[in-house]
Amino acid sequence: MRQVFSTDQEYKADKSPENLFPLTEVTRKMEYEERFDQAVRVTGVGLFVNLGLTIFKLLAGILGNSTAMVADAVHSLSDFLTDVVVIFGFKIAKKPVDESHNYGHGKIETLSASLVGLMLLLVAGQILYYGVQKTLMFIEAGTLEQPAIIALYAALASVISKEIMYQYTILKARKINSMALTANAWHHRSDAFSSFCTMIGIGAAVFLGGKWVVLDPLMAVFLSFIILKVSLKIFHSSINELVEASLDEKTESEIRQIIQKTEGVKALSNLKTRRIGNNIAVDIRIKVDNALDIGEANRISIHVEHNLKKAFGPYTYVLVKAEPYEREPWGNPEDEKAREHPVNPEKNKVCLRNHSN
């Protein structure tokens, strides 16, 4: 469960940076940089794997007369180029906050993810074109060149290596919560899928021969739709983040619960959220007892900020505006929204008198 302050004494005892976050500022900075270093290392491994597979599959496709394998080689080439883009993105996203980038460079990571999705989309279109072209040739001529066994070996090698890369990358992506690395992991998985389909098509063409050779280009068409689906999902998610779409309902509900449990908060309204790379930003209005002075209201605002940072990480961007709580609406539509998320006064009594010192 998320930790929130429930008593005035707990807040006073735990409000120092060392207690609020178990890591010191230096350690947190090291952890932040290590996150990007891990992402670059993982992507670097994938880059060399993709380069080797691209060369091997392209040669196997040409020498083995396999359209599906040539298409698969193009897919691996896109993986290689994607790795270059992702590494470049992580290098920039790692940069700290500066005067011209007050919220850091986290959006670069999101931009990298969108480029991965776009590249996958282009790859899907190219593979679809190759597959349809060869299938039409078979329909017109009634035959195609039979693929050689080397193309089958290349497909098998690709399936195994790319699935290993997917498992390795997705584990790291979940560990460091990276959208770009997750997108890249699915790029590996899509390549494994495409190679598996290619292997089936080539295997049928090699061992069954005759009209079964048409399975080679048909599998290329099939895998193009799989890649298309993955690319659209990645592209849609990253574009949503770039245009600053709100966080999902589950996360926003959790944010509301944390704020409502904060001592001194009578109600909340006008919640605005967005994602900035690996972090989130929260903008919220809270209602506090109108008998409190500015200093006491400010302490409650800080209290809310600390609770949210404990829940979502020290690099969460939080803007809290405290306003007086009234039982009757002000007539302002935004203020009336506060009634949608009231806090039970019996469960949330203000105990801030001792903070006046």
Foldseek 3Di string as FASTA:
>chain_A
DFDADQDPVVCVVQVDPCRLDVDDPVVVLVVLLVLLVVLLVLLVVLLVVLVVLLVQLCVLCVVFVFLLSNLLSVLSVLLNVLSVQQNVLSVQQSDAADPVRNLGSQLSLLVSLLVLLVSLLVSLVVLLVSLVVVLVVCVVPVFGDQTDCSNLVSLVVLLVVLVVSLVVQCVSCVVSVFLNSNSSSVSSVLSNQSSVQQNVQNVCCHVVNRNSNSSRSVSSNVSSVVSNVSSVVSNVVSVCQVVFPFDDPVVVVVLLVSLLSQAFFFFWFDWGKGARNREIEIEIETEGAPVDDPVLQVVSQVSSVSSVCSRGHVSYHYHYHYDHDDPDAPPDPRSVRRVVGGHDCVSHPHDCPVVPD
